[in-house]
Amino acid sequence: QVQLVESGGGLVQAGGSLRLSCAASGRTFSSYAMGWFRQAPGKERRFVAAISWSGDSIYYADSVKGRFTISRDNAKNTVYLQMNSLKPEDTAVYYCAQGQHITSPSMTTNWRNYDYWGQGTQVTVSS
């Protein structure tokens, strides 16, 4: 069983930055892709970013390209999401997830392909 715990959310003004962290339990963290998703009230969960097990392949939603950076430290069993130039529309609960059966880039953007999820961390961007 894998446990994922997010941290780093909070309230920030538009244009500000936050860094989210997701710490994973278990000894197989370095074997699997990791992703970040977000869900705003009344909306469906949406893909934000994903990173392959090695960190060599990275994917972003168009809405965050150039502003967000995903990274991972396999020695620390942790994945990060650096969020810069935040906008009010970035307000949402952010979830990290681990995908143990992701074998192609097209699979990374669909939340249904992820096996384990964290509890989420709230990010609120004020205008």
Foldseek 3Di string as FASTA:
>chain_A
DKAKAKDWADEEAAQAKIKMKIAMDDDCLLQWKKFKWWDAPPGDIWGAKIAGSPRPDIDGDPVQPPFWDWDDDSVRRMIMIIGGRDDQVVWTWMKMFIAPPDDDPVLRGDPVRTDDIYPTDTHGYHD
